[in-house]
Amino acid sequence: MANREAAVPNEVETAFNIGSINKVFTLIAIRQLALAGKLELDSTLSRYWPDYPIQEVARKVTVRQLLQHRSGIGDNIFGEPAGGTRKTLRRLSDFLPLFVYEPAGMTRTAHYAVDSLPPNTAIGYTRREQDAPDSVPRHLNTALLPGRGSSTGGGYSTAHDLLRFVQALREAKIPGGVPAGLGVAGGTGGINAIVEGELPGGYDLTVLINLDPPTAERVARPVRG
């Protein structure tokens, strides 16, 4: 069910929160800036963010290290801002989704505000603990989410849009795109998504589920086999 309280079922065009799969779109957007000569991947963070609060880090860590998840910078993206709540996290001032979504024809992919989801969008349900027994009731995951997803994850997409993304990569329609044979997943409480391109036999695979991990992998594994 996309919405259990309203008895709305999931369907092929339902938009799901895809978690960290959004990181692929962020990677491509940054690579596009590099191709356009607006950014150097091996420059340090201090060049593009001179007022970064930890200068020792800014002078050492490069953009490439951030993209490859080897910068050593710790974080807690699921924490709450000082004096606020998760719902006060709403926007990145320079977030430009059209750099990736528009060339691929991804018309149902966006970062929606958690308290104003459009129709046919799945709401997440979580037991809060991975592999919790079926006897543990599921709850809405709204309290665990920021007010809006960010470049690190939390956007929404549909099965067809994600397949359009893989096809656009295959046809080299996206400057700075990654190989079409990508394998990427995202997940947290009430969210689990998998995209794999160019599997044997010429198949692409997308699994979207509004439940806790590893429910998507439980579906993907036998299908992939």
N, C-alpha and C. Protein backbone atom coordinates (compact mmCIF):
# COMPACT_ATOMS: atom_id res chain seq x y z
N MET A 1 0.83 -1.20 0.00
CA MET A 1 0.00 0.00 0.00
C MET A 1 0.87 1.26 0.00
N ALA A 2 0.55 2.22 -0.88
CA ALA A 2 1.27 3.49 -0.88
C ALA A 2 0.87 4.33 0.34
N ASN A 3 -0.39 4.21 0.75
CA ASN A 3 -0.89 4.93 1.92
C ASN A 3 -1.88 4.01 2.63
N ARG A 4 -1.45 3.42 3.71
CA ARG A 4 -2.29 2.42 4.40
C ARG A 4 -3.52 3.06 5.05
N GLU A 5 -3.34 4.26 5.58
CA GLU A 5 -4.45 4.92 6.25
C GLU A 5 -5.59 5.23 5.27
N ALA A 6 -5.23 5.62 4.03
CA ALA A 6 -6.23 5.95 3.03
C ALA A 6 -6.52 4.79 2.09
N ALA A 7 -5.89 3.63 2.34
CA ALA A 7 -6.10 2.43 1.52
C ALA A 7 -5.76 2.68 0.04
N VAL A 8 -4.66 3.39 -0.21
CA VAL A 8 -4.22 3.66 -1.58
C VAL A 8 -3.13 2.65 -1.94
N PRO A 9 -3.33 1.84 -2.98
CA PRO A 9 -2.32 0.81 -3.33
C PRO A 9 -1.16 1.40 -4.12
N ASN A 10 -0.02 0.72 -4.03
CA ASN A 10 1.11 1.04 -4.90
C ASN A 10 0.80 0.57 -6.32
N GLU A 11 1.35 1.29 -7.31
CA GLU A 11 1.21 0.88 -8.71
C GLU A 11 2.50 1.22 -9.44
N VAL A 12 2.55 0.91 -10.72
CA VAL A 12 3.79 1.08 -11.48
C VAL A 12 4.25 2.54 -11.50
N GLU A 13 3.33 3.49 -11.54
CA GLU A 13 3.70 4.89 -11.62
C GLU A 13 3.75 5.59 -10.26
N THR A 14 3.67 4.83 -9.17
CA THR A 14 3.81 5.43 -7.84
C THR A 14 5.25 5.92 -7.64
N ALA A 15 5.40 7.10 -7.10
CA ALA A 15 6.73 7.64 -6.79
C ALA A 15 7.14 7.19 -5.39
N PHE A 16 8.35 6.69 -5.27
CA PHE A 16 8.89 6.21 -4.01
C PHE A 16 10.09 7.05 -3.60
N ASN A 17 10.32 7.16 -2.32
CA ASN A 17 11.56 7.75 -1.82
C ASN A 17 12.69 6.78 -2.14
N ILE A 18 13.70 7.23 -2.87
CA ILE A 18 14.75 6.33 -3.34
C ILE A 18 16.04 6.45 -2.54
N GLY A 19 16.01 7.19 -1.43
CA GLY A 19 17.15 7.23 -0.54
C GLY A 19 18.44 7.67 -1.22
N SER A 20 19.52 6.93 -0.98
CA SER A 20 20.84 7.33 -1.45
C SER A 20 21.07 7.17 -2.95
N ILE A 21 20.09 6.64 -3.68
CA ILE A 21 20.24 6.62 -5.13
C ILE A 21 20.40 8.04 -5.67
N ASN A 22 19.88 9.03 -4.94
CA ASN A 22 20.07 10.43 -5.34
C ASN A 22 21.53 10.82 -5.44
N LYS A 23 22.40 10.13 -4.72
CA LYS A 23 23.83 10.46 -4.79
C LYS A 23 24.38 10.32 -6.21
N VAL A 24 23.80 9.41 -7.00
CA VAL A 24 24.25 9.25 -8.39
C VAL A 24 23.95 10.52 -9.18
N PHE A 25 22.77 11.12 -8.97
CA PHE A 25 22.42 12.35 -9.66
C PHE A 25 23.34 13.49 -9.24
N THR A 26 23.67 13.55 -7.94
CA THR A 26 24.59 14.57 -7.45
C THR A 26 25.96 14.40 -8.09
N LEU A 27 26.44 13.17 -8.17
CA LEU A 27 27.74 12.89 -8.79
C LEU A 27 27.76 13.39 -10.24
N ILE A 28 26.70 13.10 -10.98
CA ILE A 28 26.64 13.50 -12.39
C ILE A 28 26.61 15.03 -12.51
N ALA A 29 25.84 15.70 -11.66
CA ALA A 29 25.76 17.15 -11.71
C ALA A 29 27.13 17.79 -11.47
N ILE A 30 27.88 17.24 -10.52
CA ILE A 30 29.22 17.78 -10.23
C ILE A 30 30.18 17.48 -11.38
N ARG A 31 30.07 16.31 -11.98
CA ARG A 31 30.90 16.00 -13.14
C ARG A 31 30.59 16.91 -14.31
N GLN A 32 29.33 17.31 -14.44
CA GLN A 32 28.96 18.25 -15.50
C GLN A 32 29.61 19.61 -15.26
N LEU A 33 29.66 20.05 -14.02
CA LEU A 33 30.34 21.30 -13.71
C LEU A 33 31.82 21.21 -14.05
N ALA A 34 32.43 20.06 -13.79
CA ALA A 34 33.84 19.88 -14.12
C ALA A 34 34.06 19.90 -15.63
N LEU A 35 33.17 19.24 -16.38
CA LEU A 35 33.29 19.23 -17.84
C LEU A 35 33.12 20.63 -18.42
N ALA A 36 32.32 21.45 -17.76
CA ALA A 36 32.09 22.82 -18.23
C ALA A 36 33.19 23.78 -17.78
N GLY A 37 34.19 23.26 -17.07
CA GLY A 37 35.28 24.10 -16.62
C GLY A 37 34.95 24.98 -15.43
N LYS A 38 33.86 24.69 -14.75
CA LYS A 38 33.44 25.50 -13.61
C LYS A 38 33.91 24.95 -12.28
N LEU A 39 34.55 23.80 -12.31
CA LEU A 39 34.97 23.14 -11.07
C LEU A 39 36.09 22.16 -11.38
N GLU A 40 37.07 22.08 -10.50
CA GLU A 40 38.17 21.11 -10.64
C GLU A 40 38.04 20.06 -9.54
N LEU A 41 37.93 18.82 -9.95
CA LEU A 41 37.67 17.75 -8.99
C LEU A 41 38.79 17.58 -7.97
N ASP A 42 40.01 17.93 -8.33
CA ASP A 42 41.13 17.73 -7.40
C ASP A 42 41.48 18.99 -6.62
N SER A 43 40.64 20.01 -6.70
CA SER A 43 40.81 21.19 -5.86
C SER A 43 40.23 20.92 -4.48
N THR A 44 40.72 21.63 -3.50
CA THR A 44 40.25 21.40 -2.14
C THR A 44 38.92 22.10 -1.90
N LEU A 45 38.27 21.68 -0.84
CA LEU A 45 36.96 22.22 -0.49
C LEU A 45 37.04 23.72 -0.22
N SER A 46 38.16 24.19 0.30
CA SER A 46 38.29 25.61 0.65
C SER A 46 38.19 26.52 -0.57
N ARG A 47 38.52 26.01 -1.76
CA ARG A 47 38.45 26.84 -2.96
C ARG A 47 37.01 27.20 -3.31
N TYR A 48 36.10 26.27 -3.08
CA TYR A 48 34.71 26.51 -3.46
C TYR A 48 33.81 26.82 -2.26
N TRP A 49 34.31 26.57 -1.08
CA TRP A 49 33.55 26.85 0.13
C TRP A 49 34.49 27.47 1.17
N PRO A 50 34.91 28.71 0.92
CA PRO A 50 35.95 29.32 1.76
C PRO A 50 35.55 29.50 3.21
N ASP A 51 34.27 29.57 3.49
CA ASP A 51 33.86 29.74 4.89
C ASP A 51 33.40 28.43 5.52
N TYR A 52 33.85 27.29 4.96
CA TYR A 52 33.54 26.00 5.58
C TYR A 52 34.00 26.04 7.03
N PRO A 53 33.15 25.61 7.98
CA PRO A 53 33.44 25.85 9.39
C PRO A 53 34.68 25.17 9.94
N ILE A 54 35.15 24.09 9.32
CA ILE A 54 36.36 23.41 9.82
C ILE A 54 37.46 23.60 8.78
N GLN A 55 38.26 24.64 8.95
CA GLN A 55 39.25 25.03 7.95
C GLN A 55 40.32 23.97 7.73
N GLU A 56 40.70 23.26 8.77
CA GLU A 56 41.71 22.21 8.62
C GLU A 56 41.25 21.15 7.62
N VAL A 57 39.96 20.83 7.66
CA VAL A 57 39.37 19.89 6.72
C VAL A 57 39.30 20.51 5.33
N ALA A 58 38.83 21.75 5.25
CA ALA A 58 38.64 22.41 3.95
C ALA A 58 39.93 22.54 3.17
N ARG A 59 41.05 22.68 3.86
CA ARG A 59 42.33 22.84 3.18
C ARG A 59 42.91 21.53 2.67
N LYS A 60 42.39 20.40 3.15
CA LYS A 60 42.95 19.10 2.79
C LYS A 60 42.06 18.27 1.87
N VAL A 61 40.78 18.30 2.11
CA VAL A 61 39.86 17.41 1.41
C VAL A 61 39.52 17.97 0.03
N THR A 62 39.55 17.10 -0.99
CA THR A 62 39.23 17.52 -2.35
C THR A 62 37.80 17.14 -2.73
N VAL A 63 37.32 17.76 -3.80
CA VAL A 63 35.99 17.43 -4.32
C VAL A 63 35.93 15.97 -4.72
N ARG A 64 36.97 15.48 -5.36
CA ARG A 64 36.99 14.07 -5.79
C ARG A 64 36.88 13.13 -4.60
N GLN A 65 37.57 13.44 -3.50
CA GLN A 65 37.48 12.60 -2.31
C GLN A 65 36.07 12.59 -1.74
N LEU A 66 35.39 13.73 -1.79
CA LEU A 66 34.00 13.77 -1.34
C LEU A 66 33.12 12.86 -2.20
N LEU A 67 33.32 12.94 -3.53
CA LEU A 67 32.50 12.14 -4.44
C LEU A 67 32.75 10.65 -4.26
N GLN A 68 33.98 10.29 -3.90
CA GLN A 68 34.34 8.88 -3.76
C GLN A 68 34.16 8.37 -2.33
N HIS A 69 33.56 9.18 -1.46
CA HIS A 69 33.29 8.78 -0.07
C HIS A 69 34.57 8.37 0.67
N ARG A 70 35.66 9.09 0.42
CA ARG A 70 36.91 8.79 1.12
C ARG A 70 37.55 10.06 1.69
N SER A 71 36.71 11.04 2.01
CA SER A 71 37.22 12.29 2.55
C SER A 71 37.55 12.19 4.03
N GLY A 72 36.93 11.25 4.72
CA GLY A 72 37.13 11.14 6.16
C GLY A 72 36.25 12.07 6.96
N ILE A 73 35.42 12.87 6.28
CA ILE A 73 34.52 13.78 7.00
C ILE A 73 33.34 13.00 7.55
N GLY A 74 33.13 13.08 8.84
CA GLY A 74 31.98 12.41 9.45
C GLY A 74 30.74 13.27 9.31
N ASP A 75 29.58 12.67 9.46
CA ASP A 75 28.34 13.43 9.40
C ASP A 75 27.24 12.67 10.11
N ASN A 76 26.14 13.35 10.28
CA ASN A 76 24.94 12.71 10.79
C ASN A 76 23.75 13.36 10.09
N ILE A 77 23.50 12.94 8.84
CA ILE A 77 22.45 13.56 8.06
C ILE A 77 21.06 13.27 8.61
N PHE A 78 20.98 12.36 9.58
CA PHE A 78 19.69 12.05 10.18
C PHE A 78 19.51 12.75 11.52
N GLY A 79 20.43 13.67 11.84
CA GLY A 79 20.31 14.44 13.07
C GLY A 79 19.36 15.61 12.89
N GLU A 80 19.19 16.38 13.95
CA GLU A 80 18.33 17.55 13.92
C GLU A 80 19.17 18.81 14.06
N PRO A 81 18.84 19.86 13.29
CA PRO A 81 19.59 21.11 13.40
C PRO A 81 19.35 21.77 14.74
N ALA A 82 20.33 22.55 15.18
CA ALA A 82 20.18 23.26 16.46
C ALA A 82 18.96 24.16 16.42
N GLY A 83 18.11 24.01 17.41
CA GLY A 83 16.93 24.84 17.50
C GLY A 83 15.82 24.49 16.54
N GLY A 84 15.94 23.36 15.85
CA GLY A 84 14.92 22.97 14.88
C GLY A 84 14.62 21.49 14.94
N THR A 85 13.85 21.03 13.97
CA THR A 85 13.51 19.62 13.85
C THR A 85 13.86 19.14 12.45
N ARG A 86 13.64 17.86 12.21
CA ARG A 86 13.91 17.32 10.88
C ARG A 86 13.11 18.06 9.80
N LYS A 87 11.90 18.51 10.13
CA LYS A 87 11.05 19.14 9.13
C LYS A 87 11.52 20.54 8.73
N THR A 88 12.46 21.13 9.50
CA THR A 88 12.97 22.45 9.12
C THR A 88 14.05 22.36 8.05
N LEU A 89 14.50 21.15 7.73
CA LEU A 89 15.49 20.96 6.65
C LEU A 89 14.74 20.93 5.33
N ARG A 90 14.77 22.04 4.56
CA ARG A 90 13.90 22.18 3.41
C ARG A 90 14.61 22.31 2.07
N ARG A 91 15.77 23.01 1.97
CA ARG A 91 16.27 23.31 0.64
C ARG A 91 17.79 23.51 0.62
N LEU A 92 18.35 23.32 -0.56
CA LEU A 92 19.72 23.72 -0.86
C LEU A 92 19.58 24.86 -1.86
N SER A 93 20.18 26.00 -1.55
CA SER A 93 19.94 27.19 -2.36
C SER A 93 20.36 27.02 -3.81
N ASP A 94 21.35 26.16 -4.05
CA ASP A 94 21.83 26.00 -5.42
C ASP A 94 21.50 24.63 -5.99
N PHE A 95 20.45 24.01 -5.50
CA PHE A 95 20.08 22.68 -6.00
C PHE A 95 19.41 22.81 -7.36
N LEU A 96 19.96 22.16 -8.36
CA LEU A 96 19.47 22.30 -9.73
C LEU A 96 19.13 20.94 -10.32
N PRO A 97 17.93 20.42 -10.04
CA PRO A 97 17.59 19.06 -10.49
C PRO A 97 17.52 18.91 -12.00
N LEU A 98 17.26 19.97 -12.73
CA LEU A 98 17.11 19.82 -14.18
C LEU A 98 18.41 19.43 -14.86
N PHE A 99 19.57 19.60 -14.21
CA PHE A 99 20.83 19.20 -14.82
C PHE A 99 20.83 17.71 -15.13
N VAL A 100 20.10 16.91 -14.39
CA VAL A 100 20.10 15.46 -14.59
C VAL A 100 18.75 14.95 -15.09
N TYR A 101 17.66 15.39 -14.50
CA TYR A 101 16.35 14.80 -14.76
C TYR A 101 15.80 15.12 -16.13
N GLU A 102 15.91 16.39 -16.57
CA GLU A 102 15.27 16.80 -17.82
C GLU A 102 15.81 16.08 -19.04
N PRO A 103 17.14 15.94 -19.23
CA PRO A 103 17.64 15.24 -20.42
C PRO A 103 17.18 13.79 -20.51
N ALA A 104 16.89 13.18 -19.36
CA ALA A 104 16.47 11.78 -19.35
C ALA A 104 14.95 11.62 -19.45
N GLY A 105 14.23 12.72 -19.46
CA GLY A 105 12.77 12.64 -19.51
C GLY A 105 12.15 12.16 -18.22
N MET A 106 12.79 12.44 -17.10
CA MET A 106 12.32 11.98 -15.79
C MET A 106 11.36 13.00 -15.20
N THR A 107 10.12 12.95 -15.64
CA THR A 107 9.13 13.96 -15.26
C THR A 107 8.51 13.73 -13.89
N ARG A 108 8.71 12.53 -13.31
CA ARG A 108 8.11 12.22 -12.01
C ARG A 108 9.17 12.06 -10.93
N THR A 109 10.33 12.68 -11.14
CA THR A 109 11.42 12.59 -10.18
C THR A 109 11.67 13.97 -9.60
N ALA A 110 11.62 14.09 -8.27
CA ALA A 110 11.76 15.40 -7.64
C ALA A 110 12.01 15.23 -6.15
N HIS A 111 12.31 16.34 -5.50
CA HIS A 111 12.47 16.38 -4.05
C HIS A 111 11.24 17.06 -3.47
N TYR A 112 10.32 16.27 -2.97
CA TYR A 112 9.06 16.81 -2.45
C TYR A 112 9.19 17.14 -0.96
N ALA A 113 8.46 18.15 -0.53
CA ALA A 113 8.36 18.44 0.90
C ALA A 113 7.60 17.31 1.58
N VAL A 114 8.09 16.87 2.72
CA VAL A 114 7.53 15.69 3.36
C VAL A 114 6.08 15.88 3.78
N ASP A 115 5.67 17.12 4.01
CA ASP A 115 4.30 17.37 4.45
C ASP A 115 3.37 17.80 3.31
N SER A 116 3.84 17.69 2.07
CA SER A 116 2.97 18.02 0.93
C SER A 116 3.32 17.15 -0.27
N LEU A 117 3.27 15.85 -0.07
CA LEU A 117 3.56 14.91 -1.14
C LEU A 117 2.44 14.96 -2.18
N PRO A 118 2.79 14.91 -3.47
CA PRO A 118 1.75 14.92 -4.50
C PRO A 118 1.01 13.59 -4.55
N PRO A 119 -0.11 13.53 -5.29
CA PRO A 119 -0.83 12.27 -5.41
C PRO A 119 0.04 11.17 -5.99
N ASN A 120 -0.31 9.94 -5.67
CA ASN A 120 0.39 8.75 -6.17
C ASN A 120 1.86 8.74 -5.75
N THR A 121 2.10 9.08 -4.50
CA THR A 121 3.44 9.02 -3.91
C THR A 121 3.38 8.14 -2.67
N ALA A 122 4.27 7.19 -2.60
CA ALA A 122 4.24 6.23 -1.49
C ALA A 122 4.75 6.84 -0.19
N ILE A 123 4.05 6.55 0.88
CA ILE A 123 4.47 6.94 2.23
C ILE A 123 5.23 5.76 2.84
N GLY A 124 6.32 6.04 3.53
CA GLY A 124 7.13 4.97 4.10
C GLY A 124 6.58 4.45 5.42
N TYR A 125 6.75 3.13 5.62
CA TYR A 125 6.33 2.47 6.86
C TYR A 125 7.50 1.67 7.42
N THR A 126 7.80 1.87 8.68
CA THR A 126 8.99 1.28 9.27
C THR A 126 8.70 0.60 10.60
N ARG A 127 9.47 -0.44 10.86
CA ARG A 127 9.46 -1.07 12.19
C ARG A 127 10.61 -0.53 13.04
N ARG A 128 11.40 0.39 12.43
CA ARG A 128 12.50 1.09 13.10
C ARG A 128 13.72 0.22 13.36
N GLU A 129 13.62 -1.08 13.28
CA GLU A 129 14.76 -1.96 13.46
C GLU A 129 14.82 -2.95 12.31
N GLN A 130 16.00 -3.07 11.68
CA GLN A 130 16.14 -3.98 10.56
C GLN A 130 15.89 -5.41 11.00
N ASP A 131 15.16 -6.15 10.17
CA ASP A 131 14.83 -7.55 10.43
C ASP A 131 14.02 -7.73 11.71
N ALA A 132 13.28 -6.72 12.10
CA ALA A 132 12.38 -6.88 13.25
C ALA A 132 11.31 -7.91 12.91
N PRO A 133 10.84 -8.68 13.86
CA PRO A 133 9.83 -9.70 13.57
C PRO A 133 8.52 -9.09 13.10
N ASP A 134 7.74 -9.89 12.41
CA ASP A 134 6.46 -9.41 11.88
C ASP A 134 5.50 -8.95 12.96
N SER A 135 5.75 -9.41 14.18
CA SER A 135 4.86 -9.01 15.28
C SER A 135 5.02 -7.55 15.66
N VAL A 136 6.15 -6.92 15.26
CA VAL A 136 6.38 -5.51 15.57
C VAL A 136 5.59 -4.67 14.56
N PRO A 137 4.70 -3.81 15.01
CA PRO A 137 3.87 -3.03 14.07
C PRO A 137 4.70 -1.99 13.31
N ARG A 138 4.26 -1.69 12.10
CA ARG A 138 4.91 -0.66 11.30
C ARG A 138 4.30 0.71 11.62
N HIS A 139 5.16 1.74 11.54
CA HIS A 139 4.73 3.11 11.79
C HIS A 139 5.12 3.98 10.61
N LEU A 140 4.48 5.13 10.46
CA LEU A 140 4.88 6.10 9.45
C LEU A 140 6.32 6.53 9.71
N ASN A 141 7.09 6.71 8.62
CA ASN A 141 8.49 7.10 8.79
C ASN A 141 8.68 8.61 8.71
N THR A 142 7.59 9.37 8.69
CA THR A 142 7.67 10.81 8.48
C THR A 142 8.59 11.51 9.48
N ALA A 143 8.54 11.09 10.72
CA ALA A 143 9.34 11.75 11.75
C ALA A 143 10.84 11.53 11.55
N LEU A 144 11.22 10.51 10.77
CA LEU A 144 12.63 10.22 10.54
C LEU A 144 13.20 11.00 9.36
N LEU A 145 12.33 11.64 8.56
CA LEU A 145 12.76 12.29 7.33
C LEU A 145 13.00 13.78 7.54
N PRO A 146 13.91 14.38 6.73
CA PRO A 146 14.02 15.84 6.73
C PRO A 146 12.80 16.45 6.06
N GLY A 147 12.65 17.76 6.17
CA GLY A 147 11.53 18.42 5.54
C GLY A 147 11.50 18.24 4.04
N ARG A 148 12.68 18.09 3.45
CA ARG A 148 12.81 17.83 2.03
C ARG A 148 14.13 17.08 1.81
N GLY A 149 14.16 16.19 0.82
CA GLY A 149 15.40 15.47 0.52
C GLY A 149 16.48 16.40 0.03
N SER A 150 17.72 15.94 0.05
CA SER A 150 18.86 16.76 -0.33
C SER A 150 19.70 16.05 -1.37
N SER A 151 20.87 16.62 -1.67
CA SER A 151 21.77 16.02 -2.66
C SER A 151 22.32 14.68 -2.18
N THR A 152 22.24 14.39 -0.91
CA THR A 152 22.72 13.11 -0.41
C THR A 152 21.67 12.02 -0.42
N GLY A 153 20.40 12.40 -0.67
CA GLY A 153 19.36 11.38 -0.75
C GLY A 153 18.01 11.93 -0.32
N GLY A 154 16.98 11.11 -0.51
CA GLY A 154 15.66 11.47 -0.05
C GLY A 154 14.72 12.00 -1.11
N GLY A 155 15.14 12.02 -2.38
CA GLY A 155 14.23 12.40 -3.45
C GLY A 155 13.30 11.25 -3.80
N TYR A 156 12.34 11.52 -4.67
CA TYR A 156 11.35 10.53 -5.07
C TYR A 156 11.44 10.26 -6.57
N SER A 157 11.17 9.03 -6.96
CA SER A 157 11.15 8.67 -8.38
C SER A 157 10.26 7.46 -8.58
N THR A 158 9.96 7.17 -9.84
CA THR A 158 9.14 6.02 -10.18
C THR A 158 9.98 4.96 -10.90
N ALA A 159 9.42 3.78 -11.02
CA ALA A 159 10.12 2.70 -11.73
C ALA A 159 10.42 3.11 -13.17
N HIS A 160 9.45 3.69 -13.85
CA HIS A 160 9.67 4.09 -15.24
C HIS A 160 10.71 5.20 -15.37
N ASP A 161 10.68 6.18 -14.45
CA ASP A 161 11.67 7.25 -14.51
C ASP A 161 13.09 6.72 -14.32
N LEU A 162 13.26 5.80 -13.41
CA LEU A 162 14.60 5.25 -13.17
C LEU A 162 15.07 4.42 -14.36
N LEU A 163 14.15 3.74 -15.02
CA LEU A 163 14.52 3.02 -16.24
C LEU A 163 14.86 4.00 -17.36
N ARG A 164 14.14 5.12 -17.42
CA ARG A 164 14.49 6.16 -18.40
C ARG A 164 15.90 6.70 -18.13
N PHE A 165 16.25 6.82 -16.85
CA PHE A 165 17.59 7.28 -16.47
C PHE A 165 18.66 6.33 -16.99
N VAL A 166 18.48 5.02 -16.78
CA VAL A 166 19.45 4.04 -17.26
C VAL A 166 19.55 4.09 -18.78
N GLN A 167 18.40 4.21 -19.45
CA GLN A 167 18.41 4.26 -20.90
C GLN A 167 19.12 5.52 -21.41
N ALA A 168 18.92 6.65 -20.73
CA ALA A 168 19.61 7.88 -21.11
C ALA A 168 21.12 7.74 -20.94
N LEU A 169 21.55 7.05 -19.88
CA LEU A 169 22.97 6.78 -19.70
C LEU A 169 23.49 5.91 -20.83
N ARG A 170 22.72 4.90 -21.21
CA ARG A 170 23.11 3.98 -22.28
C ARG A 170 23.28 4.72 -23.61
N GLU A 171 22.40 5.69 -23.84
CA GLU A 171 22.43 6.44 -25.09
C GLU A 171 23.29 7.69 -25.01
N ALA A 172 24.03 7.85 -23.90
CA ALA A 172 24.95 8.98 -23.71
C ALA A 172 24.24 10.33 -23.86
N LYS A 173 23.03 10.42 -23.34
CA LYS A 173 22.27 11.66 -23.40
C LYS A 173 22.60 12.62 -22.26
N ILE A 174 23.29 12.12 -21.22
CA ILE A 174 23.55 12.92 -20.03
C ILE A 174 25.04 13.23 -19.95
N PRO A 175 25.47 14.47 -20.17
CA PRO A 175 26.89 14.81 -20.03
C PRO A 175 27.39 14.45 -18.63
N GLY A 176 28.58 13.84 -18.58
CA GLY A 176 29.14 13.46 -17.30
C GLY A 176 28.48 12.26 -16.67
N GLY A 177 27.66 11.55 -17.43
CA GLY A 177 26.94 10.41 -16.90
C GLY A 177 27.84 9.24 -16.53
N VAL A 178 27.36 8.41 -15.64
CA VAL A 178 28.08 7.20 -15.23
C VAL A 178 27.74 6.08 -16.21
N PRO A 179 28.47 4.95 -16.19
CA PRO A 179 28.13 3.84 -17.09
C PRO A 179 26.72 3.32 -16.84
N ALA A 180 26.07 2.86 -17.91
CA ALA A 180 24.70 2.35 -17.80
C ALA A 180 24.64 1.06 -17.00
N GLY A 181 25.76 0.38 -16.84
CA GLY A 181 25.78 -0.84 -16.05
C GLY A 181 25.95 -0.59 -14.57
N LEU A 182 25.36 0.46 -14.09
CA LEU A 182 25.51 0.82 -12.67
C LEU A 182 24.71 -0.13 -11.78
N GLY A 183 25.10 -0.20 -10.54
CA GLY A 183 24.34 -0.90 -9.52
C GLY A 183 24.32 -0.01 -8.29
N VAL A 184 23.16 0.46 -7.90
CA VAL A 184 23.08 1.42 -6.80
C VAL A 184 21.83 1.16 -5.99
N ALA A 185 21.91 1.42 -4.69
CA ALA A 185 20.79 1.17 -3.81
C ALA A 185 20.68 2.30 -2.78
N GLY A 186 19.50 2.43 -2.19
CA GLY A 186 19.29 3.39 -1.14
C GLY A 186 18.30 2.83 -0.13
N GLY A 187 18.46 3.22 1.11
CA GLY A 187 17.51 2.70 2.09
C GLY A 187 17.73 3.23 3.48
N THR A 188 16.63 3.39 4.19
CA THR A 188 16.61 3.69 5.62
C THR A 188 15.21 3.30 6.09
N GLY A 189 14.81 3.72 7.25
CA GLY A 189 13.52 3.31 7.76
C GLY A 189 12.37 3.64 6.82
N GLY A 190 11.65 2.64 6.33
CA GLY A 190 10.52 2.84 5.45
C GLY A 190 10.88 3.16 4.01
N ILE A 191 12.15 2.99 3.65
CA ILE A 191 12.64 3.31 2.30
C ILE A 191 13.61 2.22 1.85
N ASN A 192 13.41 1.70 0.64
CA ASN A 192 14.38 0.77 0.06
C ASN A 192 14.21 0.78 -1.45
N ALA A 193 15.31 1.00 -2.17
CA ALA A 193 15.26 1.10 -3.63
C ALA A 193 16.54 0.54 -4.22
N ILE A 194 16.42 -0.10 -5.38
CA ILE A 194 17.56 -0.68 -6.08
C ILE A 194 17.43 -0.39 -7.57
N VAL A 195 18.54 -0.01 -8.20
CA VAL A 195 18.60 0.14 -9.65
C VAL A 195 19.86 -0.57 -10.15
N GLU A 196 19.68 -1.47 -11.10
CA GLU A 196 20.81 -2.16 -11.72
C GLU A 196 20.60 -2.15 -13.24
N GLY A 197 21.61 -1.71 -13.97
CA GLY A 197 21.50 -1.62 -15.41
C GLY A 197 22.32 -2.67 -16.12
N GLU A 198 21.86 -3.04 -17.32
CA GLU A 198 22.59 -3.93 -18.22
C GLU A 198 22.95 -5.26 -17.57
N LEU A 199 21.98 -5.91 -16.99
CA LEU A 199 22.18 -7.25 -16.46
C LEU A 199 22.25 -8.25 -17.61
N PRO A 200 22.77 -9.45 -17.39
CA PRO A 200 22.83 -10.45 -18.46
C PRO A 200 21.47 -10.65 -19.12
N GLY A 201 21.47 -10.74 -20.44
CA GLY A 201 20.24 -10.87 -21.18
C GLY A 201 19.66 -9.55 -21.62
N GLY A 202 20.36 -8.44 -21.28
CA GLY A 202 19.91 -7.13 -21.71
C GLY A 202 18.84 -6.51 -20.83
N TYR A 203 18.77 -6.93 -19.58
CA TYR A 203 17.72 -6.43 -18.68
C TYR A 203 18.24 -5.29 -17.79
N ASP A 204 17.33 -4.40 -17.45
CA ASP A 204 17.54 -3.42 -16.39
C ASP A 204 16.56 -3.75 -15.26
N LEU A 205 16.98 -3.53 -14.03
CA LEU A 205 16.17 -3.92 -12.88
C LEU A 205 15.97 -2.74 -11.94
N THR A 206 14.73 -2.47 -11.59
CA THR A 206 14.41 -1.45 -10.59
C THR A 206 13.43 -2.05 -9.59
N VAL A 207 13.75 -1.92 -8.32
CA VAL A 207 12.85 -2.38 -7.25
C VAL A 207 12.64 -1.21 -6.29
N LEU A 208 11.38 -0.84 -6.06
CA LEU A 208 11.04 0.26 -5.17
C LEU A 208 10.05 -0.23 -4.12
N ILE A 209 10.37 -0.02 -2.86
CA ILE A 209 9.53 -0.50 -1.76
C ILE A 209 9.49 0.55 -0.66
N ASN A 210 8.31 0.79 -0.11
CA ASN A 210 8.18 1.76 0.97
C ASN A 210 8.16 1.07 2.34
N LEU A 211 9.09 0.13 2.50
CA LEU A 211 9.28 -0.59 3.76
C LEU A 211 10.76 -0.59 4.10
N ASP A 212 11.11 -1.15 5.26
CA ASP A 212 12.51 -1.15 5.71
C ASP A 212 13.40 -2.02 4.84
N PRO A 213 14.71 -1.64 4.73
CA PRO A 213 15.67 -2.56 4.13
C PRO A 213 15.73 -3.84 4.98
N PRO A 214 16.06 -4.98 4.38
CA PRO A 214 16.46 -5.20 2.99
C PRO A 214 15.32 -5.74 2.13
N THR A 215 14.11 -5.21 2.26
CA THR A 215 12.98 -5.77 1.53
C THR A 215 13.18 -5.70 0.01
N ALA A 216 13.78 -4.62 -0.49
CA ALA A 216 14.01 -4.52 -1.94
C ALA A 216 15.00 -5.58 -2.41
N GLU A 217 16.04 -5.80 -1.63
CA GLU A 217 17.03 -6.81 -2.01
C GLU A 217 16.42 -8.22 -2.01
N ARG A 218 15.49 -8.44 -1.10
CA ARG A 218 14.82 -9.76 -1.07
C ARG A 218 14.03 -10.01 -2.35
N VAL A 219 13.55 -8.94 -2.97
CA VAL A 219 12.87 -9.07 -4.26
C VAL A 219 13.89 -9.15 -5.39
N ALA A 220 14.91 -8.29 -5.33
CA ALA A 220 15.87 -8.19 -6.43
C ALA A 220 16.70 -9.47 -6.60
N ARG A 221 17.05 -10.10 -5.48
CA ARG A 221 17.96 -11.26 -5.56
C ARG A 221 17.39 -12.38 -6.42
N PRO A 222 16.20 -12.87 -6.18
CA PRO A 222 15.68 -13.95 -7.05
C PRO A 222 15.39 -13.47 -8.48
N VAL A 223 14.95 -12.20 -8.63
CA VAL A 223 14.72 -11.70 -9.98
C VAL A 223 16.03 -11.63 -10.77
N ARG A 224 17.07 -11.14 -10.11
CA ARG A 224 18.39 -11.05 -10.74
C ARG A 224 18.89 -12.43 -11.11
N GLY A 225 18.63 -13.41 -10.25
CA GLY A 225 19.08 -14.78 -10.54
C GLY A 225 18.36 -15.39 -11.74
